[in-house]
Amino acid sequence: MREARPPYPLVVHYSRNLTSRDIHPVRQPPQTRLARSLVDAATWMATDRGAQAVLAAGVQQRLVRVTDLMAEALREGGCHC
């Protein structure tokens, strides 16, 4: 039998202002591009250190480039840090 709630704290966040530029063109199910996802995750962190850790992890794992993160964070005021 499944538990109604997961055994760990879970917070769901939604991105409401997405454009076609934010969505990956071929991945299914539809999902945001990695740079957008990382910047969103950073803005949802409770502390600056947490935000830095999220962004640094993406770069350290070579999942995204610093220039892509910077462009995404600056695009249309996407990062309210």
N, C-alpha and C. Protein backbone atom coordinates (compact mmCIF):
# COMPACT_ATOMS: atom_id res chain seq x y z
N MET A 1 0.83 -1.18 0.00
CA MET A 1 0.00 0.00 0.00
C MET A 1 0.89 1.25 0.00
N ARG A 2 0.56 2.21 -0.83
CA ARG A 2 1.31 3.46 -0.94
C ARG A 2 0.93 4.44 0.16
N GLU A 3 1.96 5.16 0.63
CA GLU A 3 1.68 6.23 1.60
C GLU A 3 1.10 7.43 0.86
N ALA A 4 0.22 8.14 1.50
CA ALA A 4 -0.38 9.33 0.89
C ALA A 4 0.64 10.44 0.74
N ARG A 5 1.59 10.53 1.65
CA ARG A 5 2.62 11.57 1.61
C ARG A 5 3.99 10.91 1.55
N PRO A 6 4.92 11.54 0.85
CA PRO A 6 6.27 10.99 0.83
C PRO A 6 6.90 11.11 2.23
N PRO A 7 7.84 10.23 2.57
CA PRO A 7 8.42 10.24 3.91
C PRO A 7 9.42 11.38 4.13
N TYR A 8 9.54 12.30 3.21
CA TYR A 8 10.48 13.40 3.32
C TYR A 8 9.76 14.69 2.93
N PRO A 9 10.28 15.83 3.41
CA PRO A 9 9.60 17.09 3.06
C PRO A 9 9.73 17.38 1.56
N LEU A 10 8.67 17.80 0.96
CA LEU A 10 8.64 18.06 -0.47
C LEU A 10 7.93 19.38 -0.71
N VAL A 11 8.57 20.23 -1.51
CA VAL A 11 7.96 21.51 -1.88
C VAL A 11 7.92 21.56 -3.41
N VAL A 12 6.76 21.80 -3.95
CA VAL A 12 6.60 21.88 -5.40
C VAL A 12 6.60 23.36 -5.80
N HIS A 13 7.41 23.69 -6.81
CA HIS A 13 7.48 25.05 -7.34
C HIS A 13 7.03 25.02 -8.79
N TYR A 14 6.36 26.06 -9.21
CA TYR A 14 5.90 26.17 -10.58
C TYR A 14 6.51 27.41 -11.23
N SER A 15 6.93 27.27 -12.48
CA SER A 15 7.38 28.41 -13.27
C SER A 15 6.22 28.80 -14.18
N ARG A 16 5.72 29.99 -13.98
CA ARG A 16 4.53 30.41 -14.71
C ARG A 16 4.83 31.22 -15.96
N ASN A 17 5.97 31.85 -16.02
CA ASN A 17 6.28 32.73 -17.14
C ASN A 17 7.28 32.07 -18.08
N LEU A 18 6.85 31.05 -18.76
CA LEU A 18 7.73 30.33 -19.68
C LEU A 18 7.44 30.74 -21.12
N THR A 19 8.51 30.86 -21.89
CA THR A 19 8.38 31.11 -23.32
C THR A 19 8.90 29.90 -24.07
N SER A 20 8.78 29.90 -25.37
CA SER A 20 9.30 28.77 -26.16
C SER A 20 10.82 28.65 -26.00
N ARG A 21 11.48 29.76 -25.70
CA ARG A 21 12.94 29.74 -25.48
C ARG A 21 13.31 28.96 -24.22
N ASP A 22 12.40 28.89 -23.25
CA ASP A 22 12.66 28.20 -21.99
C ASP A 22 12.49 26.69 -22.08
N ILE A 23 11.69 26.23 -23.02
CA ILE A 23 11.36 24.81 -23.13
C ILE A 23 12.34 24.10 -24.06
N HIS A 24 12.83 22.94 -23.62
CA HIS A 24 13.75 22.15 -24.45
C HIS A 24 12.99 21.68 -25.69
N PRO A 25 13.59 21.80 -26.88
CA PRO A 25 12.86 21.54 -28.12
C PRO A 25 12.50 20.08 -28.37
N VAL A 26 13.21 19.11 -27.79
CA VAL A 26 12.94 17.72 -28.13
C VAL A 26 12.67 16.80 -26.94
N ARG A 27 13.01 17.21 -25.74
CA ARG A 27 12.83 16.31 -24.59
C ARG A 27 11.36 16.08 -24.29
N GLN A 28 11.05 14.85 -23.93
CA GLN A 28 9.68 14.50 -23.57
C GLN A 28 9.69 13.81 -22.22
N PRO A 29 8.80 14.12 -21.33
CA PRO A 29 7.78 15.15 -21.44
C PRO A 29 8.42 16.53 -21.51
N PRO A 30 7.68 17.53 -21.96
CA PRO A 30 8.25 18.88 -22.09
C PRO A 30 8.87 19.33 -20.76
N GLN A 31 10.03 19.95 -20.86
CA GLN A 31 10.74 20.42 -19.67
C GLN A 31 11.56 21.65 -20.01
N THR A 32 11.91 22.39 -18.98
CA THR A 32 12.70 23.59 -19.21
C THR A 32 14.14 23.23 -19.51
N ARG A 33 14.82 24.14 -20.19
CA ARG A 33 16.25 23.95 -20.46
C ARG A 33 16.99 24.02 -19.14
N LEU A 34 18.17 23.39 -19.10
CA LEU A 34 18.89 23.24 -17.85
C LEU A 34 19.28 24.57 -17.21
N ALA A 35 19.77 25.52 -17.99
CA ALA A 35 20.15 26.81 -17.42
C ALA A 35 18.95 27.47 -16.75
N ARG A 36 17.79 27.43 -17.38
CA ARG A 36 16.57 28.01 -16.79
C ARG A 36 16.22 27.27 -15.49
N SER A 37 16.31 25.95 -15.51
CA SER A 37 15.98 25.16 -14.32
C SER A 37 16.90 25.49 -13.16
N LEU A 38 18.19 25.63 -13.43
CA LEU A 38 19.14 25.93 -12.37
C LEU A 38 18.93 27.33 -11.80
N VAL A 39 18.67 28.30 -12.66
CA VAL A 39 18.41 29.66 -12.18
C VAL A 39 17.11 29.68 -11.36
N ASP A 40 16.09 28.96 -11.80
CA ASP A 40 14.85 28.88 -11.02
C ASP A 40 15.14 28.26 -9.65
N ALA A 41 15.88 27.15 -9.63
CA ALA A 41 16.19 26.49 -8.37
C ALA A 41 16.98 27.41 -7.45
N ALA A 42 17.89 28.17 -8.02
CA ALA A 42 18.70 29.10 -7.21
C ALA A 42 17.81 30.18 -6.59
N THR A 43 16.83 30.68 -7.33
CA THR A 43 15.97 31.73 -6.79
C THR A 43 15.03 31.19 -5.71
N TRP A 44 14.77 29.91 -5.72
CA TRP A 44 13.91 29.31 -4.70
C TRP A 44 14.65 28.93 -3.42
N MET A 45 15.97 29.02 -3.43
CA MET A 45 16.75 28.66 -2.24
C MET A 45 16.54 29.71 -1.14
N ALA A 46 16.62 29.27 0.09
CA ALA A 46 16.38 30.16 1.23
C ALA A 46 17.56 31.07 1.53
N THR A 47 18.76 30.68 1.10
CA THR A 47 19.95 31.48 1.40
C THR A 47 20.77 31.72 0.14
N ASP A 48 21.62 32.73 0.20
CA ASP A 48 22.54 33.00 -0.91
C ASP A 48 23.49 31.82 -1.12
N ARG A 49 23.95 31.24 -0.02
CA ARG A 49 24.86 30.09 -0.12
C ARG A 49 24.20 28.91 -0.84
N GLY A 50 22.95 28.69 -0.54
CA GLY A 50 22.22 27.62 -1.21
C GLY A 50 22.11 27.88 -2.70
N ALA A 51 21.82 29.13 -3.06
CA ALA A 51 21.72 29.50 -4.48
C ALA A 51 23.06 29.31 -5.18
N GLN A 52 24.12 29.73 -4.51
CA GLN A 52 25.47 29.57 -5.08
C GLN A 52 25.79 28.09 -5.28
N ALA A 53 25.41 27.27 -4.31
CA ALA A 53 25.69 25.83 -4.40
C ALA A 53 24.98 25.19 -5.58
N VAL A 54 23.73 25.56 -5.80
CA VAL A 54 22.96 25.01 -6.92
C VAL A 54 23.63 25.37 -8.25
N LEU A 55 23.98 26.64 -8.41
CA LEU A 55 24.59 27.08 -9.67
C LEU A 55 25.98 26.48 -9.86
N ALA A 56 26.77 26.45 -8.78
CA ALA A 56 28.12 25.89 -8.87
C ALA A 56 28.08 24.40 -9.22
N ALA A 57 27.13 23.67 -8.65
CA ALA A 57 27.03 22.24 -8.94
C ALA A 57 26.78 21.99 -10.42
N GLY A 58 25.91 22.78 -11.02
CA GLY A 58 25.64 22.61 -12.45
C GLY A 58 26.86 22.85 -13.31
N VAL A 59 27.68 23.83 -12.93
CA VAL A 59 28.92 24.13 -13.67
C VAL A 59 29.97 23.06 -13.39
N GLN A 60 30.15 22.69 -12.12
CA GLN A 60 31.17 21.70 -11.77
C GLN A 60 30.91 20.35 -12.43
N GLN A 61 29.66 20.01 -12.61
CA GLN A 61 29.32 18.74 -13.26
C GLN A 61 29.30 18.85 -14.78
N ARG A 62 29.67 20.04 -15.27
CA ARG A 62 29.71 20.31 -16.71
C ARG A 62 28.37 20.08 -17.41
N LEU A 63 27.32 20.43 -16.68
CA LEU A 63 25.98 20.33 -17.25
C LEU A 63 25.58 21.61 -17.96
N VAL A 64 26.21 22.72 -17.55
CA VAL A 64 25.88 24.03 -18.10
C VAL A 64 27.11 24.93 -17.98
N ARG A 65 27.21 25.91 -18.87
CA ARG A 65 28.33 26.86 -18.83
C ARG A 65 27.95 28.10 -18.02
N VAL A 66 28.96 28.72 -17.44
CA VAL A 66 28.74 29.94 -16.67
C VAL A 66 28.06 31.00 -17.54
N THR A 67 28.49 31.12 -18.78
CA THR A 67 27.90 32.14 -19.67
C THR A 67 26.41 31.88 -19.89
N ASP A 68 26.01 30.62 -19.97
CA ASP A 68 24.58 30.30 -20.13
C ASP A 68 23.79 30.69 -18.89
N LEU A 69 24.37 30.43 -17.71
CA LEU A 69 23.70 30.80 -16.46
C LEU A 69 23.57 32.32 -16.34
N MET A 70 24.64 33.02 -16.68
CA MET A 70 24.61 34.48 -16.61
C MET A 70 23.56 35.05 -17.55
N ALA A 71 23.53 34.54 -18.77
CA ALA A 71 22.56 35.03 -19.75
C ALA A 71 21.14 34.76 -19.27
N GLU A 72 20.90 33.59 -18.70
CA GLU A 72 19.56 33.26 -18.21
C GLU A 72 19.18 34.12 -17.02
N ALA A 73 20.10 34.35 -16.11
CA ALA A 73 19.82 35.15 -14.92
C ALA A 73 19.53 36.61 -15.29
N LEU A 74 20.18 37.10 -16.31
CA LEU A 74 20.01 38.50 -16.70
C LEU A 74 18.85 38.71 -17.67
N ARG A 75 18.42 37.65 -18.31
CA ARG A 75 17.36 37.75 -19.32
C ARG A 75 16.06 38.22 -18.68
N GLU A 76 15.60 39.34 -19.10
CA GLU A 76 14.33 39.91 -18.66
C GLU A 76 14.19 39.94 -17.14
N GLY A 77 15.29 40.18 -16.45
CA GLY A 77 15.23 40.27 -14.98
C GLY A 77 14.87 38.94 -14.34
N GLY A 78 15.28 37.83 -14.96
CA GLY A 78 14.92 36.50 -14.48
C GLY A 78 15.36 36.17 -13.08
N CYS A 79 16.42 36.81 -12.59
CA CYS A 79 16.92 36.52 -11.26
C CYS A 79 16.72 37.74 -10.36
N HIS A 80 15.92 37.58 -9.37
CA HIS A 80 15.62 38.69 -8.45
C HIS A 80 16.45 38.53 -7.19
N CYS A 81 17.76 38.45 -7.36
CA CYS A 81 18.67 38.22 -6.23
C CYS A 81 19.10 39.53 -5.61
